[in-house]
C-alpha atoms as a PDB file:
ATOM      1  CA  UNK A   1       0.000   0.000   0.000  1.00  0.00           C
ATOM      2  CA  UNK A   2       1.307   3.448  -0.943  1.00  0.00           C
ATOM      3  CA  UNK A   3       0.640   5.800   1.986  1.00  0.00           C
ATOM      4  CA  UNK A   4       2.589   8.797   0.642  1.00  0.00           C
ATOM      5  CA  UNK A   5       0.018  10.879  -1.258  1.00  0.00           C
ATOM      6  CA  UNK A   6       2.441  12.537  -3.789  1.00  0.00           C
ATOM      7  CA  UNK A   7       4.029   9.166  -4.571  1.00  0.00           C
ATOM      8  CA  UNK A   8       0.597   7.576  -4.960  1.00  0.00           C
ATOM      9  CA  UNK A   9      -0.518  10.383  -7.311  1.00  0.00           C
ATOM     10  CA  UNK A  10       2.513   9.796  -9.520  1.00  0.00           C
ATOM     11  CA  UNK A  11       1.803   6.068  -9.575  1.00  0.00           C
ATOM     12  CA  UNK A  12      -1.836   6.723 -10.464  1.00  0.00           C
ATOM     13  CA  UNK A  13      -0.839   9.169 -13.191  1.00  0.00           C
ATOM     14  CA  UNK A  14       1.612   6.657 -14.654  1.00  0.00           C
ATOM     15  CA  UNK A  15      -1.180   4.077 -14.873  1.00  0.00           C
ATOM     16  CA  UNK A  16      -3.656   6.518 -16.426  1.00  0.00           C
ATOM     17  CA  UNK A  17      -1.173   7.539 -19.127  1.00  0.00           C
ATOM     18  CA  UNK A  18      -1.468   4.031 -20.538  1.00  0.00           C
ATOM     19  CA  UNK A  19      -4.006   4.311 -23.404  1.00  0.00           C
ATOM     20  CA  UNK A  20      -6.845   2.295 -21.855  1.00  0.00           C
ATOM     21  CA  UNK A  21      -9.721   2.692 -19.410  1.00  0.00           C
ATOM     22  CA  UNK A  22      -9.001   1.591 -15.859  1.00  0.00           C
ATOM     23  CA  UNK A  23     -11.854   0.224 -13.700  1.00  0.00           C
ATOM     24  CA  UNK A  24     -11.934   1.905 -10.305  1.00  0.00           C
ATOM     25  CA  UNK A  25     -11.605  -1.427  -8.541  1.00  0.00           C
ATOM     26  CA  UNK A  26      -8.455  -2.342 -10.479  1.00  0.00           C
ATOM     27  CA  UNK A  27      -6.843   1.024  -9.731  1.00  0.00           C
ATOM     28  CA  UNK A  28      -7.673   0.636  -6.045  1.00  0.00           C
ATOM     29  CA  UNK A  29      -6.106  -2.830  -6.051  1.00  0.00           C
ATOM     30  CA  UNK A  30      -2.969  -1.631  -7.893  1.00  0.00           C
ATOM     31  CA  UNK A  31      -2.499   1.264  -5.460  1.00  0.00           C
ATOM     32  CA  UNK A  32      -3.518  -0.651  -2.350  1.00  0.00           C
ATOM     33  CA  UNK A  33      -6.164   1.889  -1.355  1.00  0.00           C
ATOM     34  CA  UNK A  34      -9.938   2.148  -1.286  1.00  0.00           C
ATOM     35  CA  UNK A  35     -12.069   3.230  -4.249  1.00  0.00           C
ATOM     36  CA  UNK A  36     -12.972   6.363  -2.320  1.00  0.00           C
ATOM     37  CA  UNK A  37      -9.270   7.257  -2.108  1.00  0.00           C
ATOM     38  CA  UNK A  38      -8.938   6.665  -5.859  1.00  0.00           C
ATOM     39  CA  UNK A  39     -11.790   9.125  -6.483  1.00  0.00           C
ATOM     40  CA  UNK A  40     -10.128  11.735  -4.265  1.00  0.00           C
ATOM     41  CA  UNK A  41      -6.791  11.240  -6.026  1.00  0.00           C
ATOM     42  CA  UNK A  42      -8.474  11.615  -9.421  1.00  0.00           C
ATOM     43  CA  UNK A  43      -9.960  14.918  -8.235  1.00  0.00           C
ATOM     44  CA  UNK A  44      -6.478  16.077  -7.195  1.00  0.00           C
ATOM     45  CA  UNK A  45      -5.106  15.249 -10.650  1.00  0.00           C
ATOM     46  CA  UNK A  46      -7.906  17.242 -12.258  1.00  0.00           C
ATOM     47  CA  UNK A  47      -7.030  20.228 -10.053  1.00  0.00           C
ATOM     48  CA  UNK A  48      -3.460  19.946 -11.361  1.00  0.00           C
ATOM     49  CA  UNK A  49      -4.711  20.157 -14.946  1.00  0.00           C
ATOM     50  CA  UNK A  50      -4.829  16.502 -15.952  1.00  0.00           C
ATOM     51  CA  UNK A  51      -8.024  15.780 -17.956  1.00  0.00           C
ATOM     52  CA  UNK A  52      -9.187  12.538 -16.306  1.00  0.00           C
ATOM     53  CA  UNK A  53     -12.506  11.282 -17.659  1.00  0.00           C
ATOM     54  CA  UNK A  54     -14.755   9.037 -15.558  1.00  0.00           C
ATOM     55  CA  UNK A  55     -17.430   6.639 -16.783  1.00  0.00           C
ATOM     56  CA  UNK A  56     -20.466   5.544 -14.843  1.00  0.00           C
ATOM     57  CA  UNK A  57     -21.453   1.988 -14.047  1.00  0.00           C
ATOM     58  CA  UNK A  58     -21.217  -0.707 -11.403  1.00  0.00           C
ATOM     59  CA  UNK A  59     -17.443  -0.436 -11.618  1.00  0.00           C
ATOM     60  CA  UNK A  60     -16.852   3.017 -13.057  1.00  0.00           C
ATOM     61  CA  UNK A  61     -13.644   3.498 -14.996  1.00  0.00           C
ATOM     62  CA  UNK A  62     -11.110   6.268 -15.529  1.00  0.00           C
ATOM     63  CA  UNK A  63      -9.014   7.291 -18.492  1.00  0.00           C
ATOM     64  CA  UNK A  64      -6.777  10.215 -19.397  1.00  0.00           C
ATOM     65  CA  UNK A  65      -8.030  12.158 -22.432  1.00  0.00           C
ATOM     66  CA  UNK A  66      -6.562  14.876 -24.595  1.00  0.00           C
ATOM     67  CA  UNK A  67      -6.832  18.353 -23.099  1.00  0.00           C
ATOM     68  CA  UNK A  68      -6.220  21.916 -24.264  1.00  0.00           C
ATOM     69  CA  UNK A  69      -2.617  21.804 -23.011  1.00  0.00           C
ATOM     70  CA  UNK A  70      -0.242  18.935 -22.355  1.00  0.00           C
ATOM     71  CA  UNK A  71       0.461  18.507 -18.630  1.00  0.00           C
ATOM     72  CA  UNK A  72       3.732  16.914 -17.452  1.00  0.00           C
ATOM     73  CA  UNK A  73       4.218  13.288 -18.429  1.00  0.00           C
ATOM     74  CA  UNK A  74       5.262  10.569 -16.003  1.00  0.00           C
ATOM     75  CA  UNK A  75       7.564   7.927 -17.501  1.00  0.00           C
ATOM     76  CA  UNK A  76       8.792   4.697 -15.996  1.00  0.00           C
ATOM     77  CA  UNK A  77      12.448   3.678 -16.411  1.00  0.00           C
ATOM     78  CA  UNK A  78      11.925   1.639 -19.586  1.00  0.00           C
ATOM     79  CA  UNK A  79       9.876   4.380 -21.268  1.00  0.00           C
ATOM     80  CA  UNK A  80      12.412   7.082 -20.411  1.00  0.00           C
ATOM     81  CA  UNK A  81      15.285   4.993 -21.791  1.00  0.00           C
ATOM     82  CA  UNK A  82      13.367   4.168 -24.992  1.00  0.00           C
ATOM     83  CA  UNK A  83      12.546   7.826 -25.677  1.00  0.00           C
ATOM     84  CA  UNK A  84      16.098   9.005 -24.952  1.00  0.00           C
ATOM     85  CA  UNK A  85      17.645   6.351 -27.208  1.00  0.00           C
ATOM     86  CA  UNK A  86      15.241   7.214 -30.036  1.00  0.00           C
ATOM     87  CA  UNK A  87      15.915  10.945 -29.784  1.00  0.00           C
ATOM     88  CA  UNK A  88      19.678  10.425 -29.599  1.00  0.00           C
ATOM     89  CA  UNK A  89      19.687   8.158 -32.655  1.00  0.00           C
ATOM     90  CA  UNK A  90      17.614  10.581 -34.730  1.00  0.00           C
ATOM     91  CA  UNK A  91      19.401  13.736 -33.631  1.00  0.00           C
ATOM     92  CA  UNK A  92      22.854  12.220 -34.056  1.00  0.00           C
ATOM     93  CA  UNK A  93      22.314  11.638 -37.777  1.00  0.00           C
ATOM     94  CA  UNK A  94      20.385  14.820 -38.623  1.00  0.00           C
ATOM     95  CA  UNK A  95      17.494  12.887 -40.122  1.00  0.00           C
ATOM     96  CA  UNK A  96      15.236  15.278 -42.004  1.00  0.00           C
ATOM     97  CA  UNK A  97      12.268  16.240 -39.894  1.00  0.00           C
ATOM     98  CA  UNK A  98      14.160  16.036 -36.599  1.00  0.00           C
ATOM     99  CA  UNK A  99      14.393  19.715 -35.875  1.00  0.00           C
ATOM    100  CA  UNK A 100      15.589  21.836 -32.985  1.00  0.00           C
ATOM    101  CA  UNK A 101      12.521  20.990 -30.900  1.00  0.00           C
ATOM    102  CA  UNK A 102      13.612  17.336 -30.797  1.00  0.00           C
ATOM    103  CA  UNK A 103      17.051  18.312 -29.568  1.00  0.00           C
ATOM    104  CA  UNK A 104      15.526  20.555 -26.895  1.00  0.00           C
ATOM    105  CA  UNK A 105      13.360  17.649 -25.754  1.00  0.00           C
ATOM    106  CA  UNK A 106      16.418  15.392 -25.586  1.00  0.00           C
ATOM    107  CA  UNK A 107      18.327  17.996 -23.557  1.00  0.00           C
ATOM    108  CA  UNK A 108      15.463  18.308 -21.066  1.00  0.00           C
ATOM    109  CA  UNK A 109      15.054  14.560 -20.729  1.00  0.00           C
ATOM    110  CA  UNK A 110      18.743  13.809 -20.210  1.00  0.00           C
ATOM    111  CA  UNK A 111      19.021  16.624 -17.680  1.00  0.00           C
ATOM    112  CA  UNK A 112      16.568  14.900 -15.346  1.00  0.00           C
ATOM    113  CA  UNK A 113      17.487  11.264 -16.037  1.00  0.00           C
ATOM    114  CA  UNK A 114      18.965   9.509 -12.988  1.00  0.00           C
ATOM    115  CA  UNK A 115      22.591   8.401 -13.379  1.00  0.00           C
ATOM    116  CA  UNK A 116      21.572   4.749 -13.662  1.00  0.00           C
ATOM    117  CA  UNK A 117      19.299   5.523 -16.636  1.00  0.00           C
ATOM    118  CA  UNK A 118      21.856   7.753 -18.364  1.00  0.00           C
ATOM    119  CA  UNK A 119      24.278   4.834 -18.150  1.00  0.00           C
ATOM    120  CA  UNK A 120      21.677   2.484 -19.658  1.00  0.00           C
ATOM    121  CA  UNK A 121      21.016   4.904 -22.525  1.00  0.00           C
ATOM    122  CA  UNK A 122      24.732   5.304 -23.309  1.00  0.00           C
ATOM    123  CA  UNK A 123      25.361   1.556 -23.087  1.00  0.00           C
ATOM    124  CA  UNK A 124      22.449   0.702 -25.364  1.00  0.00           C
ATOM    125  CA  UNK A 125      23.404   3.265 -27.982  1.00  0.00           C
ATOM    126  CA  UNK A 126      27.051   2.164 -27.932  1.00  0.00           C
ATOM    127  CA  UNK A 127      25.955  -1.424 -28.581  1.00  0.00           C
ATOM    128  CA  UNK A 128      23.741  -0.606 -31.588  1.00  0.00           C
ATOM    129  CA  UNK A 129      24.435   0.654 -35.084  1.00  0.00           C
ATOM    130  CA  UNK A 130      21.644   2.644 -36.798  1.00  0.00           C
ATOM    131  CA  UNK A 131      20.991   2.150 -40.496  1.00  0.00           C
ATOM    132  CA  UNK A 132      20.414   5.618 -41.933  1.00  0.00           C
ATOM    133  CA  UNK A 133      19.671   6.744 -45.471  1.00  0.00           C
ATOM    134  CA  UNK A 134      21.210  10.187 -45.120  1.00  0.00           C
ATOM    135  CA  UNK A 135      24.720  11.021 -46.314  1.00  0.00           C
ATOM    136  CA  UNK A 136      25.430  13.611 -43.664  1.00  0.00           C
ATOM    137  CA  UNK A 137      28.150  13.197 -41.070  1.00  0.00           C
ATOM    138  CA  UNK A 138      27.053  11.785 -37.733  1.00  0.00           C
ATOM    139  CA  UNK A 139      26.966  13.978 -34.634  1.00  0.00           C
ATOM    140  CA  UNK A 140      27.420  12.953 -31.008  1.00  0.00           C
ATOM    141  CA  UNK A 141      24.043  13.471 -29.293  1.00  0.00           C
ATOM    142  CA  UNK A 142      25.884  14.819 -26.240  1.00  0.00           C
ATOM    143  CA  UNK A 143      27.204  17.657 -28.405  1.00  0.00           C
ATOM    144  CA  UNK A 144      23.691  18.614 -29.465  1.00  0.00           C
ATOM    145  CA  UNK A 145      22.284  18.470 -25.961  1.00  0.00           C
ATOM    146  CA  UNK A 146      25.097  20.623 -24.539  1.00  0.00           C
ATOM    147  CA  UNK A 147      24.484  23.200 -27.267  1.00  0.00           C
ATOM    148  CA  UNK A 148      20.703  23.124 -26.830  1.00  0.00           C
ATOM    149  CA  UNK A 149      21.059  23.607 -23.087  1.00  0.00           C
ATOM    150  CA  UNK A 150      23.428  26.535 -23.578  1.00  0.00           C
ATOM    151  CA  UNK A 151      21.003  28.141 -26.022  1.00  0.00           C
ATOM    152  CA  UNK A 152      18.078  27.716 -23.637  1.00  0.00           C
ATOM    153  CA  UNK A 153      20.084  28.976 -20.652  1.00  0.00           C
ATOM    154  CA  UNK A 154      21.724  31.843 -22.581  1.00  0.00           C
ATOM    155  CA  UNK A 155      25.168  30.652 -21.520  1.00  0.00           C
ATOM    156  CA  UNK A 156      28.361  31.251 -23.446  1.00  0.00           C
ATOM    157  CA  UNK A 157      29.634  28.105 -25.146  1.00  0.00           C
ATOM    158  CA  UNK A 158      33.287  27.180 -25.648  1.00  0.00           C
ATOM    159  CA  UNK A 159      34.457  24.409 -27.982  1.00  0.00           C
ATOM    160  CA  UNK A 160      37.216  23.164 -30.261  1.00  0.00           C
ATOM    161  CA  UNK A 161      36.488  23.557 -33.969  1.00  0.00           C
ATOM    162  CA  UNK A 162      38.034  22.010 -37.055  1.00  0.00           C
ATOM    163  CA  UNK A 163      37.552  24.017 -40.239  1.00  0.00           C
ATOM    164  CA  UNK A 164      37.098  22.493 -43.693  1.00  0.00           C
ATOM    165  CA  UNK A 165      40.811  22.890 -44.452  1.00  0.00           C
ATOM    166  CA  UNK A 166      41.759  21.098 -41.236  1.00  0.00           C
ATOM    167  CA  UNK A 167      42.666  24.196 -39.214  1.00  0.00           C
ATOM    168  CA  UNK A 168      41.950  23.676 -35.503  1.00  0.00           C
ATOM    169  CA  UNK A 169      40.825  26.580 -33.303  1.00  0.00           C
ATOM    170  CA  UNK A 170      39.167  27.235 -29.940  1.00  0.00           C
ATOM    171  CA  UNK A 171      35.950  29.252 -30.064  1.00  0.00           C
ATOM    172  CA  UNK A 172      34.033  31.224 -27.431  1.00  0.00           C
ATOM    173  CA  UNK A 173      30.495  31.880 -28.619  1.00  0.00           C
ATOM    174  CA  UNK A 174      27.074  33.110 -27.664  1.00  0.00           C
ATOM    175  CA  UNK A 175      24.926  30.313 -29.165  1.00  0.00           C
ATOM    176  CA  UNK A 176      21.746  31.436 -30.910  1.00  0.00           C
ATOM    177  CA  UNK A 177      20.102  28.470 -32.663  1.00  0.00           C
ATOM    178  CA  UNK A 178      20.704  24.957 -33.943  1.00  0.00           C
ATOM    179  CA  UNK A 179      19.607  24.451 -37.561  1.00  0.00           C
ATOM    180  CA  UNK A 180      19.156  21.140 -39.365  1.00  0.00           C
ATOM    181  CA  UNK A 181      19.386  21.033 -43.168  1.00  0.00           C
ATOM    182  CA  UNK A 182      18.247  17.409 -43.253  1.00  0.00           C
ATOM    183  CA  UNK A 183      21.796  16.136 -43.797  1.00  0.00           C
ATOM    184  CA  UNK A 184      23.766  18.154 -41.262  1.00  0.00           C
ATOM    185  CA  UNK A 185      23.390  20.170 -38.076  1.00  0.00           C
ATOM    186  CA  UNK A 186      24.719  23.730 -37.879  1.00  0.00           C
ATOM    187  CA  UNK A 187      25.151  26.094 -34.926  1.00  0.00           C
ATOM    188  CA  UNK A 188      24.416  29.759 -35.539  1.00  0.00           C
ATOM    189  CA  UNK A 189      26.284  31.765 -32.907  1.00  0.00           C
ATOM    190  CA  UNK A 190      27.998  35.068 -32.178  1.00  0.00           C
ATOM    191  CA  UNK A 191      31.780  34.528 -32.079  1.00  0.00           C
ATOM    192  CA  UNK A 192      32.996  36.609 -29.127  1.00  0.00           C
ATOM    193  CA  UNK A 193      36.690  36.688 -30.098  1.00  0.00           C
ATOM    194  CA  UNK A 194      35.933  37.638 -33.707  1.00  0.00           C
ATOM    195  CA  UNK A 195      33.110  40.015 -32.762  1.00  0.00           C
ATOM    196  CA  UNK A 196      30.874  38.713 -35.533  1.00  0.00           C
ATOM    197  CA  UNK A 197      28.214  36.113 -36.306  1.00  0.00           C
ATOM    198  CA  UNK A 198      29.359  32.702 -37.503  1.00  0.00           C
ATOM    199  CA  UNK A 199      27.922  29.319 -38.505  1.00  0.00           C
ATOM    200  CA  UNK A 200      29.591  26.084 -37.383  1.00  0.00           C
ATOM    201  CA  UNK A 201      29.115  22.548 -38.660  1.00  0.00           C
ATOM    202  CA  UNK A 202      28.285  20.597 -35.526  1.00  0.00           C
ATOM    203  CA  UNK A 203      30.059  17.441 -36.726  1.00  0.00           C
ATOM    204  CA  UNK A 204      33.302  19.476 -36.656  1.00  0.00           C
ATOM    205  CA  UNK A 205      32.802  20.569 -33.048  1.00  0.00           C
ATOM    206  CA  UNK A 206      34.649  18.860 -30.192  1.00  0.00           C
ATOM    207  CA  UNK A 207      34.592  19.233 -26.415  1.00  0.00           C
ATOM    208  CA  UNK A 208      31.732  21.747 -26.161  1.00  0.00           C
ATOM    209  CA  UNK A 209      30.902  23.031 -22.691  1.00  0.00           C
ATOM    210  CA  UNK A 210      28.796  25.825 -21.267  1.00  0.00           C
ATOM    211  CA  UNK A 211      30.978  28.286 -19.350  1.00  0.00           C
ATOM    212  CA  UNK A 212      28.226  29.400 -16.967  1.00  0.00           C
ATOM    213  CA  UNK A 213      28.646  33.026 -18.084  1.00  0.00           C
ATOM    214  CA  UNK A 214      25.258  34.473 -19.036  1.00  0.00           C
ATOM    215  CA  UNK A 215      24.661  36.820 -21.974  1.00  0.00           C
ATOM    216  CA  UNK A 216      21.880  38.964 -23.368  1.00  0.00           C
ATOM    217  CA  UNK A 217      20.938  37.656 -26.843  1.00  0.00           C
ATOM    218  CA  UNK A 218      22.065  39.875 -29.707  1.00  0.00           C
ATOM    219  CA  UNK A 219      19.913  40.638 -32.727  1.00  0.00           C
ATOM    220  CA  UNK A 220      20.670  38.314 -35.617  1.00  0.00           C
ATOM    221  CA  UNK A 221      21.239  40.303 -38.865  1.00  0.00           C
ATOM    222  CA  UNK A 222      18.616  38.347 -40.836  1.00  0.00           C
ATOM    223  CA  UNK A 223      16.274  37.825 -37.874  1.00  0.00           C
ATOM    224  CA  UNK A 224      16.002  34.131 -38.781  1.00  0.00           C
ATOM    225  CA  UNK A 225      18.642  31.459 -38.138  1.00  0.00           C
ATOM    226  CA  UNK A 226      17.728  29.319 -41.153  1.00  0.00           C
ATOM    227  CA  UNK A 227      17.939  32.323 -43.486  1.00  0.00           C
ATOM    228  CA  UNK A 228      21.268  33.384 -41.986  1.00  0.00           C
ATOM    229  CA  UNK A 229      22.636  29.870 -42.549  1.00  0.00           C
ATOM    230  CA  UNK A 230      21.414  29.881 -46.146  1.00  0.00           C
ATOM    231  CA  UNK A 231      23.112  33.202 -46.873  1.00  0.00           C
ATOM    232  CA  UNK A 232      26.282  32.086 -45.107  1.00  0.00           C
ATOM    233  CA  UNK A 233      26.470  28.922 -47.189  1.00  0.00           C
ATOM    234  CA  UNK A 234      25.999  30.930 -50.374  1.00  0.00           C
ATOM    235  CA  UNK A 235      28.898  33.207 -49.471  1.00  0.00           C
ATOM    236  CA  UNK A 236      31.238  30.290 -48.817  1.00  0.00           C
ATOM    237  CA  UNK A 237      30.368  28.086 -51.768  1.00  0.00           C
ATOM    238  CA  UNK A 238      30.252  28.279 -55.518  1.00  0.00           C
ATOM    239  CA  UNK A 239      26.512  28.393 -56.069  1.00  0.00           C
ATOM    240  CA  UNK A 240      24.048  28.219 -58.916  1.00  0.00           C
ATOM    241  CA  UNK A 241      20.441  29.260 -59.372  1.00  0.00           C
ATOM    242  CA  UNK A 242      17.843  26.724 -60.423  1.00  0.00           C
ATOM    243  CA  UNK A 243      14.208  26.962 -61.441  1.00  0.00           C
ATOM    244  CA  UNK A 244      11.738  24.084 -61.199  1.00  0.00           C
ATOM    245  CA  UNK A 245       7.994  23.988 -61.966  1.00  0.00           C
ATOM    246  CA  UNK A 246       5.869  21.490 -60.034  1.00  0.00           C
ATOM    247  CA  UNK A 247       2.487  20.098 -61.064  1.00  0.00           C
ATOM    248  CA  UNK A 248       1.178  20.486 -57.515  1.00  0.00           C
ATOM    249  CA  UNK A 249      -0.041  23.354 -55.312  1.00  0.00           C
ATOM    250  CA  UNK A 250       2.617  25.461 -53.597  1.00  0.00           C
ATOM    251  CA  UNK A 251       1.456  24.547 -50.094  1.00  0.00           C
ATOM    252  CA  UNK A 252       1.630  20.821 -50.909  1.00  0.00           C
ATOM    253  CA  UNK A 253       5.169  21.055 -52.313  1.00  0.00           C
ATOM    254  CA  UNK A 254       6.308  23.294 -49.448  1.00  0.00           C
ATOM    255  CA  UNK A 255       5.442  20.579 -46.915  1.00  0.00           C
ATOM    256  CA  UNK A 256       8.214  18.359 -48.299  1.00  0.00           C
ATOM    257  CA  UNK A 257      10.796  20.999 -49.152  1.00  0.00           C
ATOM    258  CA  UNK A 258      13.772  21.689 -46.847  1.00  0.00           C
ATOM    259  CA  UNK A 259      13.222  25.097 -45.239  1.00  0.00           C
ATOM    260  CA  UNK A 260      16.534  26.471 -46.511  1.00  0.00           C
ATOM    261  CA  UNK A 261      15.371  26.117 -50.143  1.00  0.00           C
ATOM    262  CA  UNK A 262      12.677  28.716 -49.549  1.00  0.00           C
ATOM    263  CA  UNK A 263       9.010  28.754 -50.499  1.00  0.00           C
ATOM    264  CA  UNK A 264       7.628  27.926 -53.969  1.00  0.00           C
ATOM    265  CA  UNK A 265       5.628  30.544 -55.881  1.00  0.00           C
ATOM    266  CA  UNK A 266       2.007  29.661 -56.791  1.00  0.00           C
ATOM    267  CA  UNK A 267       1.142  29.666 -60.514  1.00  0.00           C
ATOM    268  CA  UNK A 268      -2.153  30.439 -62.219  1.00  0.00           C
ATOM    269  CA  UNK A 269      -2.613  26.842 -63.441  1.00  0.00           C
ATOM    270  CA  UNK A 270      -2.565  25.467 -59.887  1.00  0.00           C
ATOM    271  CA  UNK A 271       1.076  24.435 -59.944  1.00  0.00           C
ATOM    272  CA  UNK A 272       4.039  26.301 -58.490  1.00  0.00           C
ATOM    273  CA  UNK A 273       7.570  27.402 -59.323  1.00  0.00           C
ATOM    274  CA  UNK A 274      10.631  27.168 -57.101  1.00  0.00           C
ATOM    275  CA  UNK A 275      13.538  29.483 -57.836  1.00  0.00           C
ATOM    276  CA  UNK A 276      16.410  29.152 -55.399  1.00  0.00           C
ATOM    277  CA  UNK A 277      20.167  29.100 -55.060  1.00  0.00           C
ATOM    278  CA  UNK A 278      21.994  25.893 -54.194  1.00  0.00           C
ATOM    279  CA  UNK A 279      25.566  25.013 -53.336  1.00  0.00           C
ATOM    280  CA  UNK A 280      25.218  21.242 -53.394  1.00  0.00           C
ATOM    281  CA  UNK A 281      26.006  19.135 -56.418  1.00  0.00           C
ATOM    282  CA  UNK A 282      23.430  18.885 -59.198  1.00  0.00           C
ATOM    283  CA  UNK A 283      23.383  15.128 -58.614  1.00  0.00           C
ATOM    284  CA  UNK A 284      22.153  15.559 -55.045  1.00  0.00           C
ATOM    285  CA  UNK A 285      19.616  18.215 -56.073  1.00  0.00           C
ATOM    286  CA  UNK A 286      18.241  15.971 -58.836  1.00  0.00           C
ATOM    287  CA  UNK A 287      17.691  13.130 -56.370  1.00  0.00           C
ATOM    288  CA  UNK A 288      16.190  15.501 -53.790  1.00  0.00           C
ATOM    289  CA  UNK A 289      13.677  16.863 -56.302  1.00  0.00           C
ATOM    290  CA  UNK A 290      12.700  13.360 -57.394  1.00  0.00           C
ATOM    291  CA  UNK A 291      12.102  12.347 -53.778  1.00  0.00           C
ATOM    292  CA  UNK A 292       9.472  15.060 -53.322  1.00  0.00           C
ATOM    293  CA  UNK A 293       6.974  12.786 -55.037  1.00  0.00           C
ATOM    294  CA  UNK A 294       5.401  15.416 -57.322  1.00  0.00           C
ATOM    295  CA  UNK A 295       5.727  15.733 -61.132  1.00  0.00           C
ATOM    296  CA  UNK A 296       8.142  18.533 -62.010  1.00  0.00           C
ATOM    297  CA  UNK A 297       9.987  20.140 -64.904  1.00  0.00           C
ATOM    298  CA  UNK A 298      13.450  21.670 -64.569  1.00  0.00           C
ATOM    299  CA  UNK A 299      13.769  25.000 -66.391  1.00  0.00           C
ATOM    300  CA  UNK A 300      17.367  25.828 -65.483  1.00  0.00           C
ATOM    301  CA  UNK A 301      20.298  25.352 -65.325  1.00  0.00           C
ATOM    302  CA  UNK A 302      21.048  23.132 -68.309  1.00  0.00           C
ATOM    303  CA  UNK A 303      23.355  20.935 -66.194  1.00  0.00           C
ATOM    304  CA  UNK A 304      20.477  20.107 -63.838  1.00  0.00           C
ATOM    305  CA  UNK A 305      18.201  19.358 -66.822  1.00  0.00           C
ATOM    306  CA  UNK A 306      20.799  16.918 -68.176  1.00  0.00           C
ATOM    307  CA  UNK A 307      21.306  15.324 -64.766  1.00  0.00           C
ATOM    308  CA  UNK A 308      17.577  14.775 -64.204  1.00  0.00           C
ATOM    309  CA  UNK A 309      17.287  13.273 -67.687  1.00  0.00           C
ATOM    310  CA  UNK A 310      20.242  10.927 -67.044  1.00  0.00           C
ATOM    311  CA  UNK A 311      18.856   9.972 -63.627  1.00  0.00           C
ATOM    312  CA  UNK A 312      15.456   9.177 -65.122  1.00  0.00           C
ATOM    313  CA  UNK A 313      17.004   7.050 -67.865  1.00  0.00           C
ATOM    314  CA  UNK A 314      19.177   5.197 -65.363  1.00  0.00           C
ATOM    315  CA  UNK A 315      16.229   4.432 -63.081  1.00  0.00           C
ATOM    316  CA  UNK A 316      14.114   3.309 -66.050  1.00  0.00           C
ATOM    317  CA  UNK A 317      16.824   0.907 -67.200  1.00  0.00           C
ATOM    318  CA  UNK A 318      17.166  -0.403 -63.655  1.00  0.00           C
ATOM    319  CA  UNK A 319      13.425  -1.070 -63.473  1.00  0.00           C
ATOM    320  CA  UNK A 320      13.469  -2.794 -66.887  1.00  0.00           C
ATOM    321  CA  UNK A 321      16.446  -4.932 -65.924  1.00  0.00           C
ATOM    322  CA  UNK A 322      18.717  -3.381 -68.575  1.00  0.00           C
ATOM    323  CA  UNK A 323      22.312  -4.173 -67.543  1.00  0.00           C
ATOM    324  CA  UNK A 324      23.812  -1.397 -69.663  1.00  0.00           C
ATOM    325  CA  UNK A 325      25.799   1.199 -67.724  1.00  0.00           C
ATOM    326  CA  UNK A 326      23.878   4.479 -67.467  1.00  0.00           C
ATOM    327  CA  UNK A 327      25.497   7.779 -68.312  1.00  0.00           C
ATOM    328  CA  UNK A 328      26.680   9.862 -65.405  1.00  0.00           C
ATOM    329  CA  UNK A 329      25.430  13.322 -64.485  1.00  0.00           C
ATOM    330  CA  UNK A 330      27.571  16.202 -65.729  1.00  0.00           C
ATOM    331  CA  UNK A 331      30.195  17.431 -63.290  1.00  0.00           C
ATOM    332  CA  UNK A 332      30.316  21.027 -64.464  1.00  0.00           C
ATOM    333  CA  UNK A 333      28.196  22.433 -61.616  1.00  0.00           C
ATOM    334  CA  UNK A 334      28.983  21.655 -57.985  1.00  0.00           C
END
């Protein structure tokens, strides 16, 4: 029997968060209390904002339903470990769709995990190898969680950084946002020593730690971290402009487009046009466009037109079982 009321409420809440209806008698038996005590505890949960629904009958039942706001969740050890492992696996490989909110959730969860559960999470992840379809470099989940915590706490962040040419430096930053492009994670931050804004590839970051020194957030020049990253990438890379017309509404195409590519423009015939600047290879862009799942026509550049044509021919031959070697995409645009 659980005599401590707070502990009993947590146990009751954990049971109710299982998606089923619990008869009052079964709850009373699980908790080792009377049905009257169960009713009082349910009333206490309602006062705390948990939407507990009761049903009438000889053995009335209780279930937790969706409310206007999500109250705190109660997880047992196995559930907490499962969620942490899933978030770490997804965040560590920058899978498209796992955005900053997922990293924030991981940072919050790991902050409150008992030491024994953190050890279980680390052991389980070390013993497994995820099969991912992305070609981006992997990132240590601990790196993301340290950065997310520093962003949330407005703490200066220090880390070792390896540039693309191999140059190693130490950086002191005021972290602003983490941005995922679907293949990689980037940190947008104000570099204190260089007195300017910078973007950092997270897979090139080592030994990050929050210094404990607080800062007042500065105003980002573009006002949006994703836009700042896009402009920064354009400045550093040889880029090209492309134009693609889709046979689908703009809002439908936008749902599957990476945010950094921008928004498509609606057309009078119900389709849409996307004009954007890219720094990736035309091969990758051709595959990315094909994966959107909507009919499209490439208007420019000519290299992308040729690459899409070659990709289509190669896939057609593969489907027909033609063993002939397909032509490769042109290498003129990178």
